[in-house]
N, C-alpha and C. Protein backbone atom coordinates (compact mmCIF):
# COMPACT_ATOMS: atom_id res chain seq x y z
N UNK A 1 -1.20 15.95 -21.83
CA UNK A 1 -1.66 14.60 -21.58
C UNK A 1 -2.55 14.52 -20.35
N UNK A 2 -2.49 15.51 -19.50
CA UNK A 2 -3.30 15.48 -18.29
C UNK A 2 -4.79 15.38 -18.63
N UNK A 3 -5.21 16.10 -19.64
CA UNK A 3 -6.63 16.04 -20.00
C UNK A 3 -7.01 14.67 -20.56
N UNK A 4 -6.10 14.01 -21.24
CA UNK A 4 -6.37 12.66 -21.72
C UNK A 4 -6.55 11.71 -20.54
N UNK A 5 -5.84 11.97 -19.46
CA UNK A 5 -5.93 11.15 -18.26
C UNK A 5 -7.18 11.46 -17.45
N UNK A 6 -7.35 12.73 -17.09
CA UNK A 6 -8.39 13.11 -16.12
C UNK A 6 -9.64 13.72 -16.73
N UNK A 7 -9.60 14.06 -18.01
CA UNK A 7 -10.72 14.74 -18.63
C UNK A 7 -10.54 16.25 -18.53
N UNK A 8 -11.48 17.01 -19.06
CA UNK A 8 -11.36 18.46 -19.04
C UNK A 8 -11.40 19.03 -17.63
N UNK A 9 -10.67 20.12 -17.46
CA UNK A 9 -10.65 20.80 -16.17
C UNK A 9 -11.86 21.68 -15.99
N UNK A 10 -11.94 22.39 -14.87
CA UNK A 10 -13.09 23.25 -14.58
C UNK A 10 -13.32 24.34 -15.63
N UNK A 11 -12.26 24.77 -16.29
CA UNK A 11 -12.39 25.82 -17.31
C UNK A 11 -12.77 25.24 -18.67
N UNK A 12 -12.90 23.93 -18.76
CA UNK A 12 -13.26 23.31 -20.03
C UNK A 12 -12.07 22.65 -20.68
N UNK A 13 -12.28 22.16 -21.87
CA UNK A 13 -11.27 21.41 -22.59
C UNK A 13 -10.21 22.32 -23.21
N UNK A 14 -9.00 21.79 -23.27
CA UNK A 14 -7.92 22.47 -23.99
C UNK A 14 -8.02 22.21 -25.49
N UNK A 15 -8.78 21.20 -25.87
CA UNK A 15 -8.94 20.86 -27.28
C UNK A 15 -10.06 21.69 -27.88
N UNK A 16 -9.81 22.20 -29.08
CA UNK A 16 -10.80 23.04 -29.76
C UNK A 16 -11.91 22.23 -30.40
N UNK A 17 -11.67 20.96 -30.64
CA UNK A 17 -12.68 20.13 -31.30
C UNK A 17 -12.47 18.67 -30.90
N UNK A 18 -13.47 17.88 -31.18
CA UNK A 18 -13.37 16.44 -30.93
C UNK A 18 -12.27 15.83 -31.79
N UNK A 19 -12.09 16.38 -32.99
CA UNK A 19 -11.05 15.88 -33.88
C UNK A 19 -9.66 16.08 -33.27
N UNK A 20 -9.44 17.22 -32.61
CA UNK A 20 -8.16 17.46 -31.93
C UNK A 20 -7.96 16.46 -30.80
N UNK A 21 -9.02 16.19 -30.06
CA UNK A 21 -8.95 15.20 -28.98
C UNK A 21 -8.59 13.84 -29.56
N UNK A 22 -9.26 13.45 -30.63
CA UNK A 22 -9.00 12.15 -31.24
C UNK A 22 -7.56 12.06 -31.76
N UNK A 23 -7.05 13.14 -32.33
CA UNK A 23 -5.67 13.14 -32.82
C UNK A 23 -4.68 13.01 -31.66
N UNK A 24 -4.94 13.72 -30.57
CA UNK A 24 -4.06 13.62 -29.40
C UNK A 24 -4.11 12.21 -28.83
N UNK A 25 -5.29 11.63 -28.76
CA UNK A 25 -5.43 10.27 -28.24
C UNK A 25 -4.68 9.28 -29.14
N UNK A 26 -4.79 9.45 -30.45
CA UNK A 26 -4.08 8.57 -31.37
C UNK A 26 -2.56 8.68 -31.16
N UNK A 27 -2.09 9.89 -30.92
CA UNK A 27 -0.66 10.12 -30.73
C UNK A 27 -0.15 9.60 -29.38
N UNK A 28 -0.92 9.79 -28.33
CA UNK A 28 -0.44 9.50 -26.98
C UNK A 28 -1.12 8.30 -26.31
N UNK A 29 -1.94 7.58 -27.04
CA UNK A 29 -2.70 6.47 -26.45
C UNK A 29 -1.80 5.46 -25.75
N UNK A 30 -0.76 5.02 -26.43
CA UNK A 30 0.12 3.99 -25.84
C UNK A 30 0.71 4.45 -24.52
N UNK A 31 1.19 5.68 -24.50
CA UNK A 31 1.79 6.20 -23.27
C UNK A 31 0.74 6.37 -22.16
N UNK A 32 -0.43 6.90 -22.53
CA UNK A 32 -1.50 7.07 -21.54
C UNK A 32 -1.94 5.73 -20.96
N UNK A 33 -2.09 4.74 -21.81
CA UNK A 33 -2.52 3.44 -21.31
C UNK A 33 -1.43 2.79 -20.45
N UNK A 34 -0.17 3.01 -20.80
CA UNK A 34 0.93 2.49 -19.98
C UNK A 34 0.92 3.13 -18.60
N UNK A 35 0.68 4.44 -18.56
CA UNK A 35 0.71 5.17 -17.29
C UNK A 35 -0.57 5.01 -16.48
N UNK A 36 -1.72 5.08 -17.14
CA UNK A 36 -2.98 5.17 -16.41
C UNK A 36 -4.03 4.14 -16.81
N UNK A 37 -3.71 3.27 -17.74
CA UNK A 37 -4.66 2.27 -18.21
C UNK A 37 -4.34 0.89 -17.67
N UNK A 38 -4.08 0.82 -16.40
CA UNK A 38 -3.73 -0.45 -15.78
C UNK A 38 -4.40 -0.53 -14.41
N UNK A 39 -4.18 -1.65 -13.75
CA UNK A 39 -4.77 -1.85 -12.42
C UNK A 39 -6.29 -1.68 -12.44
N UNK A 40 -6.88 -2.10 -13.56
CA UNK A 40 -8.33 -2.06 -13.74
C UNK A 40 -8.88 -0.64 -13.74
N UNK A 41 -8.09 0.29 -14.24
CA UNK A 41 -8.51 1.69 -14.42
C UNK A 41 -8.23 2.09 -15.86
N UNK A 42 -8.95 3.09 -16.35
CA UNK A 42 -8.73 3.60 -17.69
C UNK A 42 -8.74 5.13 -17.65
N UNK A 43 -7.92 5.76 -18.51
CA UNK A 43 -7.95 7.22 -18.58
C UNK A 43 -9.27 7.71 -19.16
N UNK A 44 -9.61 8.95 -18.87
CA UNK A 44 -10.90 9.49 -19.31
C UNK A 44 -11.04 9.53 -20.82
N UNK A 45 -9.93 9.76 -21.55
CA UNK A 45 -10.03 9.75 -23.01
C UNK A 45 -10.46 8.37 -23.51
N UNK A 46 -10.01 7.32 -22.85
CA UNK A 46 -10.46 5.97 -23.20
C UNK A 46 -11.97 5.85 -23.02
N UNK A 47 -12.45 6.36 -21.88
CA UNK A 47 -13.89 6.30 -21.62
C UNK A 47 -14.67 7.10 -22.66
N UNK A 48 -14.13 8.20 -23.10
CA UNK A 48 -14.82 9.05 -24.07
C UNK A 48 -14.77 8.49 -25.48
N UNK A 49 -13.63 7.95 -25.88
CA UNK A 49 -13.43 7.58 -27.28
C UNK A 49 -13.52 6.09 -27.58
N UNK A 50 -13.18 5.24 -26.64
CA UNK A 50 -13.18 3.81 -26.92
C UNK A 50 -14.31 3.04 -26.24
N UNK A 51 -14.62 3.42 -25.02
CA UNK A 51 -15.65 2.69 -24.26
C UNK A 51 -17.01 2.67 -24.96
N UNK A 52 -17.46 3.78 -25.57
CA UNK A 52 -18.77 3.73 -26.23
C UNK A 52 -18.85 2.65 -27.32
N UNK A 53 -17.74 2.42 -28.02
CA UNK A 53 -17.72 1.38 -29.04
C UNK A 53 -17.84 -0.02 -28.47
N UNK A 54 -17.58 -0.16 -27.19
CA UNK A 54 -17.72 -1.44 -26.49
C UNK A 54 -19.04 -1.52 -25.74
N UNK A 55 -19.86 -0.47 -25.88
CA UNK A 55 -21.13 -0.43 -25.16
C UNK A 55 -20.98 -0.08 -23.70
N UNK A 56 -19.89 0.60 -23.33
CA UNK A 56 -19.63 0.93 -21.93
C UNK A 56 -19.75 2.43 -21.69
N UNK A 57 -20.18 2.77 -20.48
CA UNK A 57 -20.24 4.16 -20.02
C UNK A 57 -19.50 4.23 -18.70
N UNK A 58 -18.83 5.36 -18.45
CA UNK A 58 -18.06 5.51 -17.22
C UNK A 58 -18.98 5.34 -16.02
N UNK A 59 -18.69 4.39 -15.12
CA UNK A 59 -19.57 4.13 -13.98
C UNK A 59 -19.21 4.95 -12.74
N UNK A 60 -18.17 5.77 -12.82
CA UNK A 60 -17.68 6.48 -11.66
C UNK A 60 -16.46 5.77 -11.11
N UNK A 61 -15.65 6.51 -10.40
CA UNK A 61 -14.36 5.99 -9.92
C UNK A 61 -14.54 4.76 -9.03
N UNK A 62 -15.48 4.82 -8.11
CA UNK A 62 -15.63 3.74 -7.13
C UNK A 62 -16.05 2.41 -7.75
N UNK A 63 -16.76 2.46 -8.87
CA UNK A 63 -17.26 1.24 -9.49
C UNK A 63 -16.45 0.82 -10.72
N UNK A 64 -15.44 1.60 -11.07
CA UNK A 64 -14.71 1.37 -12.33
C UNK A 64 -14.09 -0.02 -12.42
N UNK A 65 -13.41 -0.46 -11.39
CA UNK A 65 -12.73 -1.76 -11.44
C UNK A 65 -13.72 -2.90 -11.65
N UNK A 66 -14.76 -2.95 -10.85
CA UNK A 66 -15.72 -4.05 -10.98
C UNK A 66 -16.48 -3.97 -12.30
N UNK A 67 -16.76 -2.77 -12.76
CA UNK A 67 -17.47 -2.58 -14.04
C UNK A 67 -16.63 -3.12 -15.20
N UNK A 68 -15.35 -2.76 -15.24
CA UNK A 68 -14.47 -3.24 -16.31
C UNK A 68 -14.27 -4.75 -16.20
N UNK A 69 -14.19 -5.26 -14.98
CA UNK A 69 -14.07 -6.70 -14.77
C UNK A 69 -15.29 -7.43 -15.34
N UNK A 70 -16.47 -6.96 -14.96
CA UNK A 70 -17.71 -7.60 -15.41
C UNK A 70 -17.90 -7.47 -16.91
N UNK A 71 -17.38 -6.39 -17.50
CA UNK A 71 -17.51 -6.18 -18.95
C UNK A 71 -16.53 -7.05 -19.74
N UNK A 72 -15.55 -7.64 -19.05
CA UNK A 72 -14.61 -8.53 -19.72
C UNK A 72 -13.56 -7.82 -20.57
N UNK A 73 -13.23 -6.58 -20.21
CA UNK A 73 -12.26 -5.83 -21.02
C UNK A 73 -10.88 -5.72 -20.37
N UNK A 74 -10.69 -6.35 -19.23
CA UNK A 74 -9.41 -6.30 -18.54
C UNK A 74 -8.46 -7.36 -19.06
N UNK A 75 -7.18 -7.08 -18.95
CA UNK A 75 -6.17 -8.08 -19.29
C UNK A 75 -6.22 -9.20 -18.24
N UNK A 76 -5.59 -10.31 -18.56
CA UNK A 76 -5.56 -11.43 -17.60
C UNK A 76 -4.91 -11.00 -16.29
N UNK A 77 -3.86 -10.20 -16.39
CA UNK A 77 -3.17 -9.71 -15.18
C UNK A 77 -4.09 -8.83 -14.34
N UNK A 78 -4.84 -7.94 -15.01
CA UNK A 78 -5.76 -7.06 -14.28
C UNK A 78 -6.89 -7.87 -13.64
N UNK A 79 -7.42 -8.86 -14.37
CA UNK A 79 -8.49 -9.70 -13.81
C UNK A 79 -7.98 -10.41 -12.55
N UNK A 80 -6.78 -10.94 -12.61
CA UNK A 80 -6.22 -11.64 -11.44
C UNK A 80 -6.05 -10.67 -10.27
N UNK A 81 -5.65 -9.44 -10.56
CA UNK A 81 -5.49 -8.44 -9.50
C UNK A 81 -6.83 -8.11 -8.84
N UNK A 82 -7.88 -7.94 -9.66
CA UNK A 82 -9.21 -7.65 -9.11
C UNK A 82 -9.69 -8.83 -8.27
N UNK A 83 -9.45 -10.04 -8.73
CA UNK A 83 -9.87 -11.22 -7.97
C UNK A 83 -9.11 -11.31 -6.64
N UNK A 84 -7.83 -10.99 -6.65
CA UNK A 84 -7.06 -10.97 -5.40
C UNK A 84 -7.63 -9.93 -4.43
N UNK A 85 -7.96 -8.75 -4.97
CA UNK A 85 -8.56 -7.70 -4.13
C UNK A 85 -9.87 -8.17 -3.52
N UNK A 86 -10.69 -8.85 -4.32
CA UNK A 86 -11.96 -9.36 -3.81
C UNK A 86 -11.74 -10.36 -2.69
N UNK A 87 -10.75 -11.23 -2.87
CA UNK A 87 -10.46 -12.23 -1.85
C UNK A 87 -9.97 -11.56 -0.57
N UNK A 88 -9.17 -10.53 -0.69
CA UNK A 88 -8.67 -9.83 0.48
C UNK A 88 -9.77 -9.07 1.20
N UNK A 89 -10.80 -8.65 0.46
CA UNK A 89 -11.90 -7.89 1.05
C UNK A 89 -13.00 -8.79 1.61
N UNK A 90 -12.85 -10.08 1.42
CA UNK A 90 -13.86 -11.00 1.96
C UNK A 90 -13.52 -11.30 3.41
N UNK A 91 -14.53 -11.41 4.20
CA UNK A 91 -14.30 -11.75 5.60
C UNK A 91 -14.08 -13.25 5.73
N UNK A 92 -13.69 -13.69 6.89
CA UNK A 92 -13.39 -15.11 7.11
C UNK A 92 -14.61 -16.00 6.95
N UNK A 93 -15.80 -15.46 7.17
CA UNK A 93 -17.00 -16.29 7.03
C UNK A 93 -17.50 -16.33 5.59
N UNK A 94 -16.75 -15.70 4.66
CA UNK A 94 -17.12 -15.78 3.25
C UNK A 94 -17.99 -14.65 2.74
N UNK A 95 -18.45 -13.78 3.62
CA UNK A 95 -19.26 -12.67 3.16
C UNK A 95 -18.35 -11.51 2.78
N UNK A 96 -18.79 -10.73 1.85
CA UNK A 96 -17.99 -9.60 1.39
C UNK A 96 -18.14 -8.43 2.35
N UNK A 97 -17.00 -7.83 2.69
CA UNK A 97 -17.04 -6.60 3.46
C UNK A 97 -17.41 -5.46 2.52
N UNK A 98 -18.28 -4.60 2.95
CA UNK A 98 -18.69 -3.47 2.13
C UNK A 98 -17.87 -2.26 2.57
N UNK A 99 -17.13 -1.69 1.63
CA UNK A 99 -16.29 -0.54 1.92
C UNK A 99 -17.13 0.74 1.92
N UNK A 100 -16.57 1.81 2.47
CA UNK A 100 -17.24 3.10 2.44
C UNK A 100 -17.50 3.53 1.00
N UNK A 101 -16.53 3.31 0.14
CA UNK A 101 -16.69 3.69 -1.27
C UNK A 101 -17.86 2.94 -1.91
N UNK A 102 -17.99 1.66 -1.60
CA UNK A 102 -19.10 0.87 -2.14
C UNK A 102 -20.44 1.38 -1.62
N UNK A 103 -20.50 1.72 -0.34
CA UNK A 103 -21.75 2.26 0.21
C UNK A 103 -22.12 3.57 -0.48
N UNK A 104 -21.10 4.43 -0.71
CA UNK A 104 -21.37 5.70 -1.42
C UNK A 104 -21.86 5.42 -2.83
N UNK A 105 -21.22 4.48 -3.52
CA UNK A 105 -21.61 4.16 -4.89
C UNK A 105 -23.05 3.67 -4.95
N UNK A 106 -23.45 2.86 -4.00
CA UNK A 106 -24.81 2.32 -4.00
C UNK A 106 -25.86 3.39 -3.76
N UNK A 107 -25.47 4.49 -3.10
CA UNK A 107 -26.42 5.54 -2.77
C UNK A 107 -26.67 6.52 -3.90
N UNK A 108 -25.78 6.60 -4.87
CA UNK A 108 -25.94 7.62 -5.90
C UNK A 108 -25.72 7.06 -7.29
N UNK A 109 -26.25 7.74 -8.25
CA UNK A 109 -26.04 7.40 -9.64
C UNK A 109 -24.63 7.79 -10.03
N UNK A 110 -24.03 7.09 -11.00
CA UNK A 110 -22.69 7.48 -11.45
C UNK A 110 -22.70 8.90 -12.03
N UNK A 111 -21.65 9.68 -11.77
CA UNK A 111 -21.60 11.03 -12.32
C UNK A 111 -21.46 10.99 -13.83
N UNK A 112 -22.00 11.97 -14.47
CA UNK A 112 -21.93 12.02 -15.92
C UNK A 112 -20.61 12.66 -16.36
N UNK A 113 -20.11 12.21 -17.47
CA UNK A 113 -18.91 12.83 -18.03
C UNK A 113 -19.25 14.16 -18.69
N UNK A 114 -20.47 14.28 -19.12
CA UNK A 114 -20.85 15.46 -19.91
C UNK A 114 -20.88 16.72 -19.06
N UNK A 115 -20.38 17.78 -19.63
CA UNK A 115 -20.45 19.11 -19.01
C UNK A 115 -21.13 20.01 -20.03
N UNK A 116 -22.40 20.15 -19.89
CA UNK A 116 -23.11 20.98 -20.83
C UNK A 116 -23.25 20.34 -22.20
N UNK A 117 -23.31 19.04 -22.25
CA UNK A 117 -23.54 18.36 -23.51
C UNK A 117 -22.33 17.59 -23.99
N UNK A 118 -21.29 18.23 -24.42
CA UNK A 118 -20.11 17.57 -24.95
C UNK A 118 -19.16 17.17 -23.82
N UNK A 119 -18.52 16.05 -23.99
CA UNK A 119 -17.59 15.57 -22.99
C UNK A 119 -16.30 16.37 -23.04
N UNK A 120 -15.75 16.54 -24.21
CA UNK A 120 -14.51 17.28 -24.38
C UNK A 120 -14.75 18.45 -25.29
């Protein structure tokens, strides 16, 4: 299940084919989403197999929460959590504080999921 969560490791995928990946995702999707598909985050298998059908591409870790929020794919609970985080990150004068992660995100393009063409 680790690969469903984090994606393939440095040595490549443990799955021999996309069909094997899809079968594993079908079998373990509920558990993966319960463990790692909350708090405005999604497992990498979700990004690979479900996000494209929604017109979404992985924006990188630092932008994931706001990207999913703006795309309207979060649960009501997750949306409320993101909004609370935004309120906590706002300064008293109403301007948003820019975090180090946000500055890094603005400086570079999101990393690609692809490693030599295929994701998994």
